[in-house]
Amino acid sequence: QVQLQESGPGLVKPSQTLSLTCTVSGDSITTSYYYWSWIRQPPGKGLEWMGAIAYDGVTYYSPSLKTHTSISRDTSKNQFSLQLSSVTPEDTAVYYCARGNPRITIATLDRLDEYDYWGQGTQVTVSS
């Protein structure tokens, strides 16, 4: 059974960098050909795909977030991480990590119905 768990601070000040980590168990983040994504849901809004890191370490980002988003991984800990710089209150959201199903492709990374395993989500509030 694949399990994902998000961790990180629940409160971040405006203009700072939001950092979250997703710890994966039951599968390796280097297993071909899986993709591992960060997805968020602001209050009262829908889910938004932010970016992904592939089994081979290649990263992909939402065009709207690319300039201040970075995804990395630590294969020794089977973790992948999100950094979102220069945050504003509009970045307040529940943040999820998720694994793309075996059918997902680079072209469908933003299709949220293509993700089969999700973390429980972690609330991050941006406020001074």
Foldseek 3Di string as FASTA:
>chain_A
DKAKAKDADQEAEAQAKGKIKIQIPPDAQLPPFKKKFKWWAAPPGDIWTAWIATSVGDIDGDPVQVVFWDKGADRVRRMIMIMGGRDDQVPFTWMKMFMFDPPDDPVCSGPPVRTDYMHPTGTHGHHD
